[in-house]
Amino acid sequence: MHPVILLLSALLALPPSHGQDPFGWLYSRRSFVQDKAGGECPPECDCPPTFSIAMYCDARGLTLMPAIPSRMKYLYLQNNAISAISDSDLVNATNLVWLMMHNNRLTSDGISEKAFSKLERLERFYLNHNNLTSIPRNLPRTLRDLRINHNNIQKVTPSDLEGMDNLTILHLHDNAITDMGASLKSLTSLTLLDVSANKLTKMPEALPEQLHQLYLDFNAIASLPEGFLATFTQLQYLRLAHNQLTDKDLPSNIFNVTGLVELDLSFNRLERIPLVSTTLQHLYLQANHIKEFTLGSFCNIVDVTNFSKLQTLRLDGNELSQEDIPSDFSLCLRLASSIDV
């Protein structure tokens, strides 16, 4: 008899163990490769043999944290129903670099004070879409990317983010933050800050000067401080749409800064086009109360060689019509393919 037939016959003759398929080992995605500490992949998760440092536990209906082998660097726990993290849940996960826990049911009270004390290599932590009312205490100082948006956080204090010198990306949007104070001052590496869709009534104080992207849209900010943008020499994208900005509360030259690529002031209460730098490329002013088109807001009308670099200009939803656009606008706005009014 052929050897393969003999092997299959022997397997079929074996009694099933606890009702399990005797051929389950042929197609199972789970890897039971042990690490030096002797840990193996928990049965509710998948650990691909070809990528044994990653553990996939996403969308498994989990309510508790699984056991985590110490070899793991990438842990995916999103889309579950986990509500708490104890001091011991992550004690063995000393090599974690990524921890994905978005779309769970985590609460601030459910996260123990020392839950993250052993995560000395963690760089990326996703906590968005949970039930947090504050930023968890004692987050790893090694973080580079922290996403804690879509929670119910109301306040950010300096101690929440203290010592996070490596943090470059911070997503706090879609919370209920009313006050940030100077909580971000120590984030010396931060380049992207998103605090849109909160309840801010004024600009956060002492923002990191090396920001490249700053998103503050969908708040209730009514004014900007004098010289607000002067210190942000690397800022390229600024979004202040859907706020309560008016002309009288905006310093006259506040947006006339080089380096800015995109400025979004749409859905505010502006009646005039603000003065902007000739280096600005995209300007969004739709849905304000602007009544006059002023070429001087974009370039020096005396020196026609210093024309605007604007490519996108939106003025629709204001009190303007096409007849309000000067016929010689192309001398100034040479790169703008069209002007939406």
Protein backbone atom coordinates (compact mmCIF):
# COMPACT_ATOMS: atom_id res chain seq x y z
CA MET A 1 0.00 0.00 0.00
CA HIS A 2 1.23 3.54 -0.76
CA PRO A 3 2.83 5.26 2.32
CA VAL A 4 0.51 8.31 2.06
CA ILE A 5 -2.58 6.06 2.16
CA LEU A 6 -1.17 4.28 5.20
CA LEU A 7 -0.64 7.64 6.97
CA LEU A 8 -4.17 8.86 6.23
CA SER A 9 -5.64 5.54 7.35
CA ALA A 10 -3.77 5.78 10.63
CA LEU A 11 -4.99 9.33 11.23
CA LEU A 12 -8.58 8.42 10.49
CA ALA A 13 -8.35 5.56 12.95
CA LEU A 14 -7.35 7.90 15.77
CA PRO A 15 -10.24 8.79 18.11
CA PRO A 16 -11.08 12.53 18.11
CA SER A 17 -9.77 14.36 21.15
CA HIS A 18 -12.52 16.28 22.97
CA GLY A 19 -14.52 16.53 19.74
CA GLN A 20 -11.68 18.23 17.83
CA ASP A 21 -11.07 17.67 14.13
CA PRO A 22 -8.08 15.27 13.78
CA PHE A 23 -6.98 17.30 10.74
CA GLY A 24 -7.18 20.62 12.57
CA TRP A 25 -3.40 20.88 12.75
CA LEU A 26 -3.28 20.98 8.93
CA TYR A 27 -5.13 24.26 8.53
CA SER A 28 -4.95 25.97 11.91
CA ARG A 29 -3.55 29.51 11.78
CA ARG A 30 -2.28 29.28 15.34
CA SER A 31 1.37 28.84 16.10
CA PHE A 32 2.45 27.10 19.26
CA VAL A 33 6.10 27.94 18.83
CA GLN A 34 7.49 28.55 22.31
CA ASP A 35 9.77 31.43 23.16
CA LYS A 36 12.66 31.38 25.60
CA ALA A 37 10.29 32.05 28.45
CA GLY A 38 8.20 29.03 27.46
CA GLY A 39 5.09 31.03 26.49
CA GLU A 40 2.84 29.88 23.70
CA CYS A 41 0.11 31.55 21.70
CA PRO A 42 -3.18 31.57 23.63
CA PRO A 43 -5.94 29.56 21.91
CA GLU A 44 -8.18 32.63 21.41
CA CYS A 45 -5.51 34.39 19.33
CA ASP A 46 -3.44 33.73 16.20
CA CYS A 47 0.36 33.84 16.01
CA PRO A 48 1.48 33.16 12.43
CA PRO A 49 4.57 30.91 12.27
CA THR A 50 6.05 33.21 9.62
CA PHE A 51 5.72 36.23 11.93
CA SER A 52 6.00 34.77 15.40
CA ILE A 53 6.51 38.13 17.13
CA ALA A 54 2.95 39.25 16.29
CA MET A 55 -0.21 38.16 18.07
CA TYR A 56 -3.62 38.74 16.47
CA CYS A 57 -6.52 38.80 18.92
CA ASP A 58 -8.67 41.35 17.12
CA ALA A 59 -12.46 40.96 16.80
CA ARG A 60 -12.64 37.81 18.95
CA GLY A 61 -15.30 38.97 21.40
CA LEU A 62 -12.72 39.16 24.20
CA THR A 63 -13.73 40.74 27.50
CA LEU A 64 -10.43 40.05 29.29
CA MET A 65 -6.78 40.49 28.35
CA PRO A 66 -5.19 37.28 27.01
CA ALA A 67 -1.87 35.88 28.22
CA ILE A 68 0.95 37.48 26.23
CA PRO A 69 4.21 35.59 25.45
CA SER A 70 7.26 37.73 26.11
CA ARG A 71 8.53 37.39 22.52
CA MET A 72 5.66 39.48 21.17
CA LYS A 73 6.42 42.88 19.64
CA TYR A 74 3.10 43.54 17.91
CA LEU A 75 -0.19 42.94 19.73
CA TYR A 76 -3.56 43.48 18.05
CA LEU A 77 -6.51 43.61 20.47
CA GLN A 78 -8.80 46.03 18.65
CA ASN A 79 -12.53 45.49 18.10
CA ASN A 80 -13.20 43.55 21.29
CA ALA A 81 -15.06 44.27 24.54
CA ILE A 82 -12.13 44.60 26.94
CA SER A 83 -12.96 47.04 29.75
CA ALA A 84 -9.93 46.84 32.05
CA ILE A 85 -6.15 46.36 32.17
CA SER A 86 -4.69 45.16 35.48
CA ASP A 87 -1.14 45.56 36.79
CA SER A 88 -0.37 41.97 35.80
CA ASP A 89 -1.96 41.81 32.33
CA LEU A 90 1.07 43.25 30.51
CA VAL A 91 3.81 42.31 32.97
CA ASN A 92 5.23 39.70 30.58
CA ALA A 93 4.95 41.90 27.46
CA THR A 94 8.32 43.56 27.90
CA ASN A 95 9.17 43.58 24.18
CA LEU A 96 5.99 45.19 22.86
CA VAL A 97 6.52 47.90 20.25
CA TRP A 98 2.92 48.22 18.99
CA LEU A 99 -0.22 47.84 21.11
CA MET A 100 -3.56 48.20 19.34
CA MET A 101 -6.55 48.47 21.69
CA HIS A 102 -8.92 50.74 19.78
CA ASN A 103 -12.63 49.96 19.64
CA ASN A 104 -12.90 48.32 23.06
CA ARG A 105 -14.74 49.31 26.25
CA LEU A 106 -11.82 50.56 28.31
CA THR A 107 -12.60 52.98 31.14
CA SER A 108 -10.20 55.20 33.05
CA ASP A 109 -11.06 53.48 36.34
CA GLY A 110 -10.47 50.10 34.74
CA ILE A 111 -6.82 50.80 33.87
CA SER A 112 -4.51 50.14 36.84
CA GLU A 113 -1.88 52.70 37.79
CA LYS A 114 1.02 50.35 36.99
CA ALA A 115 -0.56 48.61 34.01
CA PHE A 116 2.11 49.86 31.58
CA SER A 117 5.14 49.80 33.92
CA LYS A 118 6.91 46.99 32.01
CA LEU A 119 6.38 48.40 28.51
CA GLU A 120 9.79 50.01 28.14
CA ARG A 121 9.93 49.68 24.35
CA LEU A 122 6.40 50.65 23.31
CA GLU A 123 6.30 53.16 20.45
CA ARG A 124 2.75 53.02 19.09
CA PHE A 125 -0.38 52.85 21.28
CA TYR A 126 -3.94 53.10 19.91
CA LEU A 127 -6.64 53.73 22.53
CA ASN A 128 -9.16 55.49 20.31
CA HIS A 129 -12.87 54.66 20.43
CA ASN A 130 -13.05 53.61 24.08
CA ASN A 131 -14.79 55.03 27.17
CA LEU A 132 -11.90 56.94 28.72
CA THR A 133 -12.55 60.16 30.67
CA SER A 134 -8.87 60.99 31.20
CA ILE A 135 -5.51 60.11 29.72
CA PRO A 136 -4.26 56.92 31.43
CA ARG A 137 -1.61 57.44 34.08
CA ASN A 138 2.03 56.43 33.66
CA LEU A 139 2.01 55.87 29.92
CA PRO A 140 5.35 54.62 28.53
CA ARG A 141 7.76 57.49 27.93
CA THR A 142 9.02 55.73 24.80
CA LEU A 143 5.81 56.42 22.84
CA ARG A 144 6.08 58.03 19.41
CA ASP A 145 2.46 57.71 18.27
CA LEU A 146 -0.45 58.01 20.73
CA ARG A 147 -4.04 57.92 19.48
CA ILE A 148 -6.64 58.52 22.15
CA ASN A 149 -9.33 60.19 20.05
CA HIS A 150 -13.05 59.39 20.21
CA ASN A 151 -13.25 59.06 23.98
CA ASN A 152 -14.76 61.36 26.60
CA ILE A 153 -11.65 63.12 27.88
CA GLN A 154 -12.45 66.54 29.33
CA LYS A 155 -9.10 67.86 30.50
CA VAL A 156 -5.40 67.36 29.75
CA THR A 157 -2.87 68.15 32.48
CA PRO A 158 0.95 68.50 32.28
CA SER A 159 1.44 65.31 34.29
CA ASP A 160 -0.54 63.29 31.73
CA LEU A 161 2.18 63.58 29.08
CA GLU A 162 5.21 64.49 31.15
CA GLY A 163 8.52 63.11 29.93
CA MET A 164 7.30 62.02 26.50
CA ASP A 165 10.26 63.45 24.64
CA ASN A 166 9.85 61.01 21.73
CA LEU A 167 6.17 61.62 21.02
CA THR A 168 5.71 62.87 17.44
CA ILE A 169 2.02 62.14 16.77
CA LEU A 170 -0.84 62.89 19.18
CA HIS A 171 -4.49 62.38 18.26
CA LEU A 172 -6.91 63.85 20.83
CA HIS A 173 -9.74 64.76 18.48
CA ASP A 174 -13.40 63.94 19.11
CA ASN A 175 -13.28 64.18 22.89
CA ALA A 176 -14.84 66.75 25.24
CA ILE A 177 -11.71 68.73 26.12
CA THR A 178 -12.39 72.22 27.46
CA ASP A 179 -8.95 73.05 28.81
CA MET A 180 -5.41 72.02 27.92
CA GLY A 181 -3.42 74.71 29.71
CA ALA A 182 0.29 74.24 29.04
CA SER A 183 0.03 70.45 29.08
CA LEU A 184 1.85 70.00 25.76
CA LYS A 185 4.84 72.21 26.47
CA SER A 186 7.20 69.33 27.24
CA LEU A 187 6.49 67.43 24.00
CA THR A 188 9.65 68.59 22.28
CA SER A 189 9.39 66.14 19.35
CA LEU A 190 5.70 66.60 18.53
CA THR A 191 5.06 67.29 14.84
CA LEU A 192 1.34 66.42 14.49
CA LEU A 193 -1.33 67.52 16.95
CA ASP A 194 -5.03 66.93 16.30
CA VAL A 195 -7.42 68.38 18.90
CA SER A 196 -10.30 68.99 16.50
CA ALA A 197 -13.91 68.30 17.52
CA ASN A 198 -13.52 69.24 21.18
CA LYS A 199 -14.91 72.09 23.29
CA LEU A 200 -11.98 74.49 23.30
CA THR A 201 -12.83 78.19 23.53
CA LYS A 202 -9.23 79.42 23.27
CA MET A 203 -5.93 78.31 21.82
CA PRO A 204 -3.94 75.82 23.89
CA GLU A 205 -1.02 77.48 25.66
CA ALA A 206 2.69 76.86 25.02
CA LEU A 207 2.31 74.57 22.02
CA PRO A 208 5.48 72.76 20.86
CA GLU A 209 7.34 74.97 18.39
CA GLN A 210 8.34 72.17 16.00
CA LEU A 211 4.77 71.34 14.94
CA HIS A 212 4.24 70.61 11.25
CA GLN A 213 0.49 69.94 11.39
CA LEU A 214 -2.00 71.56 13.79
CA TYR A 215 -5.70 70.70 13.60
CA LEU A 216 -8.10 72.76 15.73
CA ASP A 217 -11.26 72.63 13.62
CA PHE A 218 -14.72 72.01 15.10
CA ASN A 219 -14.16 73.83 18.38
CA ALA A 220 -15.49 77.15 19.75
CA ILE A 221 -12.35 79.28 19.42
CA ALA A 222 -13.24 82.96 18.95
CA SER A 223 -9.82 84.65 18.93
CA LEU A 224 -6.11 84.07 18.38
CA PRO A 225 -3.30 85.67 20.40
CA GLU A 226 -0.95 88.22 18.85
CA GLY A 227 2.05 86.59 17.18
CA PHE A 228 0.49 83.16 17.53
CA LEU A 229 2.20 81.72 14.44
CA ALA A 230 5.49 83.57 14.67
CA THR A 231 7.22 80.86 16.69
CA PHE A 232 6.07 77.95 14.50
CA THR A 233 8.77 78.07 11.86
CA GLN A 234 8.04 74.52 10.67
CA LEU A 235 4.23 74.66 10.62
CA GLN A 236 2.79 73.74 7.21
CA TYR A 237 -0.85 72.78 7.83
CA LEU A 238 -3.22 74.77 10.05
CA ARG A 239 -6.92 74.00 10.25
CA LEU A 240 -9.27 76.29 12.16
CA ALA A 241 -12.50 75.57 10.31
CA HIS A 242 -15.83 75.44 12.15
CA ASN A 243 -14.90 77.82 14.95
CA GLN A 244 -16.17 81.30 15.91
CA LEU A 245 -13.40 83.51 14.56
CA THR A 246 -14.21 87.13 13.70
CA ASP A 247 -12.13 89.90 12.12
CA LYS A 248 -11.99 92.02 15.28
CA ASP A 249 -10.42 89.20 17.28
CA LEU A 250 -7.76 88.35 14.70
CA PRO A 251 -4.47 90.32 14.70
CA SER A 252 -4.13 91.89 11.24
CA ASN A 253 -0.94 90.13 10.15
CA ILE A 254 -1.35 86.84 12.00
CA PHE A 255 -1.45 84.53 8.97
CA ASN A 256 1.24 86.31 6.96
CA VAL A 257 3.95 83.77 7.76
CA THR A 258 6.23 81.91 5.38
CA GLY A 259 6.27 78.14 5.44
CA LEU A 260 2.52 77.68 5.77
CA VAL A 261 1.22 75.49 2.92
CA GLU A 262 -2.45 75.06 3.84
CA LEU A 263 -4.75 77.31 5.88
CA ASP A 264 -8.37 76.37 6.52
CA LEU A 265 -10.58 79.13 7.98
CA SER A 266 -13.85 77.97 6.50
CA PHE A 267 -17.14 78.06 8.43
CA ASN A 268 -16.24 80.98 10.70
CA ARG A 269 -17.55 84.56 10.95
CA LEU A 270 -14.99 86.47 8.90
CA GLU A 271 -16.08 89.46 6.82
CA ARG A 272 -12.73 90.16 5.17
CA ILE A 273 -10.07 88.04 3.48
CA PRO A 274 -7.11 87.97 5.88
CA LEU A 275 -3.61 88.90 4.75
CA VAL A 276 -1.62 85.75 3.91
CA SER A 277 1.89 85.03 2.72
CA THR A 278 2.64 84.76 -0.99
CA THR A 279 4.04 81.28 -0.29
CA LEU A 280 0.67 79.87 0.86
CA GLN A 281 -0.66 77.23 -1.57
CA HIS A 282 -4.16 76.32 -0.32
CA LEU A 283 -6.62 78.70 1.33
CA TYR A 284 -10.13 77.72 2.42
CA LEU A 285 -12.51 80.56 3.31
CA GLN A 286 -15.87 79.13 2.30
CA ALA A 287 -18.99 79.70 4.42
CA ASN A 288 -17.94 82.96 6.07
CA HIS A 289 -19.47 86.45 5.63
CA ILE A 290 -16.89 87.93 3.25
CA LYS A 291 -18.24 90.81 1.17
CA GLU A 292 -15.18 92.03 -0.74
CA PHE A 293 -12.44 90.43 -2.82
CA THR A 294 -9.09 92.13 -2.08
CA LEU A 295 -6.05 91.22 -4.19
CA GLY A 296 -3.82 92.86 -1.59
CA SER A 297 -4.58 90.00 0.76
CA PHE A 298 -2.61 87.66 -1.47
CA CYS A 299 0.26 89.61 -3.01
CA ASN A 300 1.94 92.97 -3.41
CA ILE A 301 -0.14 94.65 -6.10
CA VAL A 302 2.67 97.15 -6.75
CA ASP A 303 5.35 94.52 -7.35
CA VAL A 304 3.73 92.12 -9.84
CA THR A 305 6.82 89.90 -9.84
CA ASN A 306 6.03 88.86 -6.27
CA PHE A 307 2.91 86.90 -7.20
CA SER A 308 0.99 84.50 -4.98
CA LYS A 309 1.71 80.75 -5.00
CA LEU A 310 -1.95 79.96 -4.24
CA GLN A 311 -3.26 76.95 -6.13
CA THR A 312 -6.55 76.52 -4.28
CA LEU A 313 -8.82 79.38 -3.20
CA ARG A 314 -12.35 78.68 -1.96
CA LEU A 315 -14.70 81.57 -1.30
CA ASP A 316 -18.03 79.86 -1.96
CA GLY A 317 -20.76 80.36 0.59
CA ASN A 318 -19.84 84.01 1.19
CA GLU A 319 -21.48 87.26 0.04
CA LEU A 320 -19.51 87.39 -3.18
CA SER A 321 -20.26 86.73 -6.84
CA GLN A 322 -18.10 86.20 -9.89
CA GLU A 323 -18.52 89.87 -10.77
CA ASP A 324 -16.65 90.81 -7.57
CA ILE A 325 -13.45 89.16 -8.80
CA PRO A 326 -11.15 91.76 -10.45
CA SER A 327 -10.46 91.10 -14.11
CA ASP A 328 -6.69 91.31 -13.54
CA PHE A 329 -6.67 88.77 -10.68
CA SER A 330 -4.50 86.40 -12.75
CA LEU A 331 -1.55 88.81 -12.48
CA CYS A 332 -1.51 88.02 -8.77
CA LEU A 333 -3.03 84.53 -8.59
CA ARG A 334 -1.12 83.01 -11.50
CA LEU A 335 -1.13 79.44 -10.19
CA ALA A 336 -4.77 79.26 -9.15
CA SER A 337 -6.62 77.04 -11.60
CA SER A 338 -9.96 78.47 -10.46
CA ILE A 339 -11.56 80.55 -7.72
CA ASP A 340 -14.70 79.14 -6.18
CA VAL A 341 -17.19 81.86 -5.24
